[in-house]
Amino acid sequence: MEAMRAAALRVLLKCCPQELERVLRCNAAPEEHLGLPLSVISLADCEPELTEALFLRPLEVLSLLDDAAVQAQSVLKDTIEKQHTENEPHGNQTADAQIPLNVYDNVHVRLVGLPTSL
């Protein structure tokens, strides 16, 4: 189970960094539910074992992916904030750095690009 959690986090950070950053910067209401698209093809390319588990135990794996989406936001937020701190050591923040980054709990992975044969 722990290996699947790690795989879920890896795939989101590798395949969805722009979408995760969009969520961090969206300034949504805390109770709003947000979708995070993940290509099934990308998932299969990056983490074939997780993809196999998805087809065997879809509810369990989708729940893991949703949990990983929250964790991935935190990881990406820390990375972005660290990069801005290193790039602007004297407090001269760019406009992007001034936009608050918010981690949302109500993020749900939405699988896209499912082959029609399935």
Protein backbone atom coordinates (compact mmCIF):
# COMPACT_ATOMS: atom_id res chain seq x y z
CA MET A 1 0.00 0.00 0.00
CA GLU A 2 2.82 2.40 0.85
CA ALA A 3 4.43 1.70 -2.51
CA MET A 4 1.17 2.62 -4.25
CA ARG A 5 0.96 5.87 -2.26
CA ALA A 6 4.49 6.79 -3.33
CA ALA A 7 3.70 5.87 -6.95
CA ALA A 8 0.57 8.04 -6.89
CA LEU A 9 2.57 11.02 -5.63
CA ARG A 10 5.33 10.47 -8.20
CA VAL A 11 2.94 10.26 -11.13
CA LEU A 12 1.10 13.45 -10.17
CA LEU A 13 4.30 15.42 -9.68
CA LYS A 14 5.71 14.15 -12.97
CA CYS A 15 2.61 14.27 -15.18
CA CYS A 16 0.57 17.14 -13.73
CA PRO A 17 2.89 19.93 -12.51
CA GLN A 18 1.14 22.69 -14.48
CA GLU A 19 -2.31 21.51 -13.39
CA LEU A 20 -1.16 21.30 -9.77
CA GLU A 21 0.23 24.83 -9.95
CA ARG A 22 -3.06 26.02 -11.47
CA VAL A 23 -4.87 24.56 -8.45
CA LEU A 24 -2.42 26.19 -6.02
CA ARG A 25 -3.00 29.60 -7.62
CA CYS A 26 -6.75 29.34 -8.30
CA ASN A 27 -7.94 31.18 -5.18
CA ALA A 28 -11.04 28.98 -4.86
CA ALA A 29 -13.32 28.83 -1.85
CA PRO A 30 -12.07 26.20 0.64
CA GLU A 31 -15.23 24.10 0.23
CA GLU A 32 -15.07 24.10 -3.58
CA HIS A 33 -14.21 20.80 -5.27
CA LEU A 34 -11.47 21.04 -7.89
CA GLY A 35 -10.63 18.59 -10.65
CA LEU A 36 -7.09 17.54 -11.51
CA PRO A 37 -6.89 15.88 -14.95
CA LEU A 38 -4.55 12.91 -15.28
CA SER A 39 -4.06 11.12 -18.58
CA VAL A 40 -4.46 7.37 -18.25
CA ILE A 41 -1.81 6.98 -20.94
CA SER A 42 0.66 9.07 -18.88
CA LEU A 43 -0.25 7.09 -15.79
CA ALA A 44 0.39 3.80 -17.62
CA ASP A 45 3.71 5.08 -18.98
CA CYS A 46 4.96 6.35 -15.62
CA GLU A 47 3.51 3.84 -13.18
CA PRO A 48 2.28 0.65 -14.88
CA GLU A 49 1.74 -1.20 -11.58
CA LEU A 50 -0.49 1.59 -10.29
CA THR A 51 -2.43 1.52 -13.57
CA GLU A 52 -2.97 -2.21 -13.21
CA ALA A 53 -4.18 -1.69 -9.65
CA LEU A 54 -6.52 1.02 -10.92
CA PHE A 55 -8.31 -1.45 -13.16
CA LEU A 56 -8.43 -4.11 -10.42
CA ARG A 57 -9.43 -1.82 -7.52
CA PRO A 58 -10.61 1.48 -9.02
CA LEU A 59 -12.18 3.06 -5.92
CA GLU A 60 -9.13 2.33 -3.78
CA VAL A 61 -6.67 3.72 -6.33
CA LEU A 62 -8.78 6.80 -7.07
CA SER A 63 -8.87 7.51 -3.35
CA LEU A 64 -5.07 7.13 -3.20
CA LEU A 65 -4.71 9.52 -6.14
CA ASP A 66 -6.96 12.09 -4.42
CA ASP A 67 -4.85 11.85 -1.25
CA ALA A 68 -1.69 12.16 -3.34
CA ALA A 69 -3.12 15.27 -5.03
CA VAL A 70 -3.19 17.06 -1.66
CA GLN A 71 0.33 15.90 -0.84
CA ALA A 72 1.59 16.85 -4.32
CA GLN A 73 0.21 20.36 -3.86
CA SER A 74 2.22 20.73 -0.64
CA VAL A 75 5.39 19.45 -2.28
CA LEU A 76 4.96 21.75 -5.28
CA LYS A 77 4.09 24.73 -3.06
CA ASP A 78 7.29 24.23 -1.04
CA THR A 79 9.32 23.93 -4.26
CA ILE A 80 7.84 27.10 -5.78
CA GLU A 81 8.31 29.11 -2.58
CA LYS A 82 11.91 27.91 -2.26
CA GLN A 83 12.65 28.85 -5.89
CA HIS A 84 11.21 32.32 -5.40
CA THR A 85 13.24 32.80 -2.22
CA GLU A 86 16.44 31.73 -3.96
CA ASN A 87 15.75 33.86 -7.05
CA GLU A 88 14.79 36.97 -5.10
CA PRO A 89 17.16 37.06 -2.10
CA HIS A 90 16.60 40.76 -1.32
CA GLY A 91 12.82 40.62 -1.02
CA ASN A 92 12.11 41.93 -4.53
CA GLN A 93 9.28 39.58 -5.35
CA THR A 94 7.86 39.20 -8.83
CA ALA A 95 4.12 39.41 -9.45
CA ASP A 96 3.91 35.58 -9.58
CA ALA A 97 5.57 35.30 -6.18
CA GLN A 98 2.99 37.66 -4.65
CA ILE A 99 0.06 35.42 -5.62
CA PRO A 100 -0.76 33.30 -2.57
CA LEU A 101 -0.42 29.56 -3.03
CA ASN A 102 -3.19 27.58 -1.35
CA VAL A 103 -3.31 23.84 -0.79
CA TYR A 104 -6.84 22.51 -1.28
CA ASP A 105 -8.21 19.35 0.34
CA ASN A 106 -11.07 18.97 -2.13
CA VAL A 107 -8.98 18.11 -5.17
CA HIS A 108 -10.09 15.07 -7.12
CA VAL A 109 -8.09 13.34 -9.82
CA ARG A 110 -10.08 13.05 -13.04
CA LEU A 111 -8.87 10.40 -15.44
CA VAL A 112 -8.79 11.56 -19.04
CA GLY A 113 -7.93 9.85 -22.28
CA LEU A 114 -9.37 6.48 -21.37
CA PRO A 115 -9.14 4.14 -24.35
CA THR A 116 -12.60 3.45 -25.76
CA SER A 117 -11.90 -0.30 -25.82
CA LEU A 118 -12.04 -0.38 -22.03
